[in-house]
Protein backbone atom coordinates (compact mmCIF):
# COMPACT_ATOMS: atom_id res chain seq x y z
CA MET A 1 0.13 0.08 -0.14
CA LYS A 2 1.53 3.48 -0.87
CA GLN A 3 2.21 5.38 1.91
CA ILE A 4 1.05 8.63 2.12
CA THR A 5 1.15 12.03 4.52
CA ILE A 6 -1.59 13.00 7.17
CA TYR A 7 -1.93 16.00 5.39
CA ASP A 8 -2.95 14.30 2.11
CA LEU A 9 -5.89 13.12 3.80
CA LEU A 10 -7.22 16.16 5.85
CA PRO A 11 -9.42 17.52 3.14
CA LEU A 12 -11.23 14.00 3.49
CA LEU A 13 -11.40 13.99 7.18
CA LYS A 14 -14.18 15.13 9.13
CA LYS A 15 -14.71 17.52 11.74
CA GLY A 16 -12.34 16.77 14.44
CA TRP A 17 -8.55 16.44 15.44
CA VAL A 18 -5.72 14.14 14.20
CA ALA A 19 -2.47 13.32 16.43
CA MET A 20 -0.16 10.52 16.76
CA ASP A 21 0.52 8.30 19.22
CA GLU A 22 3.40 6.77 20.58
CA SER A 23 3.26 3.46 17.93
CA GLU A 24 3.60 6.08 14.98
CA ALA A 25 -0.39 5.05 14.66
CA TRP A 26 -2.35 7.76 13.74
CA TYR A 27 -5.80 8.53 14.91
CA TRP A 28 -8.88 11.05 14.17
CA TYR A 29 -11.02 12.21 17.70
CA GLU A 30 -14.53 13.63 17.19
CA ASP A 31 -13.38 16.34 20.61
CA GLU A 32 -10.07 17.42 21.00
CA PRO A 33 -7.37 15.03 22.92
CA THR A 34 -5.28 16.01 26.12
CA ILE A 35 -2.07 13.38 26.41
CA GLN A 36 -2.54 11.68 29.35
CA LYS A 37 -0.12 9.20 31.54
CA PHE A 38 -1.13 6.08 32.30
CA VAL A 39 0.99 3.66 34.94
CA TYR A 40 0.96 -0.46 34.81
CA GLY A 41 1.62 -2.51 36.97
CA GLY A 42 2.53 -0.27 39.76
CA ASN A 43 5.61 0.94 38.08
CA LYS A 44 5.32 1.75 33.98
CA GLU A 45 4.25 4.83 32.86
CA THR A 46 3.25 5.55 29.49
CA TYR A 47 1.65 8.01 27.50
CA HIS A 48 -1.17 8.49 24.79
CA TRP A 49 -4.03 10.89 23.38
CA ASN A 50 -7.19 10.51 25.51
CA ASN A 51 -10.45 11.93 24.48
CA SER A 52 -14.32 12.05 25.60
CA GLY A 53 -15.42 11.43 22.10
CA ASP A 54 -15.53 9.02 19.58
CA LEU A 55 -12.19 7.77 17.69
CA PHE A 56 -11.00 5.98 14.59
CA GLU A 57 -7.80 4.27 13.78
CA LEU A 58 -6.74 5.79 10.50
CA ALA A 59 -4.01 2.97 10.60
CA GLU A 60 -6.06 0.72 9.55
CA LEU A 61 -7.15 2.07 6.81
CA PHE A 62 -4.50 3.88 5.75
CA ASN A 63 -0.98 3.76 5.61
CA ILE A 64 0.16 6.66 6.67
CA ALA A 65 3.69 8.47 7.82
CA PRO A 66 4.58 8.96 10.79
CA PHE A 67 4.76 12.74 11.98
CA ASP A 68 8.40 14.57 11.17
CA GLY A 69 8.90 15.44 15.14
CA ASP A 70 7.66 14.22 18.63
CA TRP A 71 4.99 12.69 18.79
CA LYS A 72 3.57 14.57 21.25
CA ASP A 73 3.24 17.96 18.83
CA SER A 74 1.54 16.34 16.28
CA LEU A 75 -2.43 17.05 17.33
CA ILE A 76 -4.24 18.95 14.12
CA LYS A 77 -7.05 20.46 14.23
CA VAL A 78 -9.44 19.12 10.97
CA GLU A 79 -11.67 21.39 9.93
CA HIS A 80 -12.77 22.64 6.24
CA LYS A 81 -13.70 26.15 5.35
CA GLU A 82 -17.83 25.19 3.86
CA GLU A 83 -18.02 23.58 7.47
CA GLU A 84 -17.58 26.52 9.45
């Protein structure tokens, strides 16, 4: 499958938010997510995007290139001029 960038996909997505997680998988979020710390097994810490609305893993359908930088900086608002 051909690899695309998240910017190629933005015009096709519903209004919301996209972000890449630590594993380099891209997700679409209905509501703006925040980074939340999770602790597993008493001392293993990991961080993930977290939100209260719907989310969808874009990596299941598209081969999207990783964010060029720290994953924590990958949050992008999806909006379209005609929806405003």
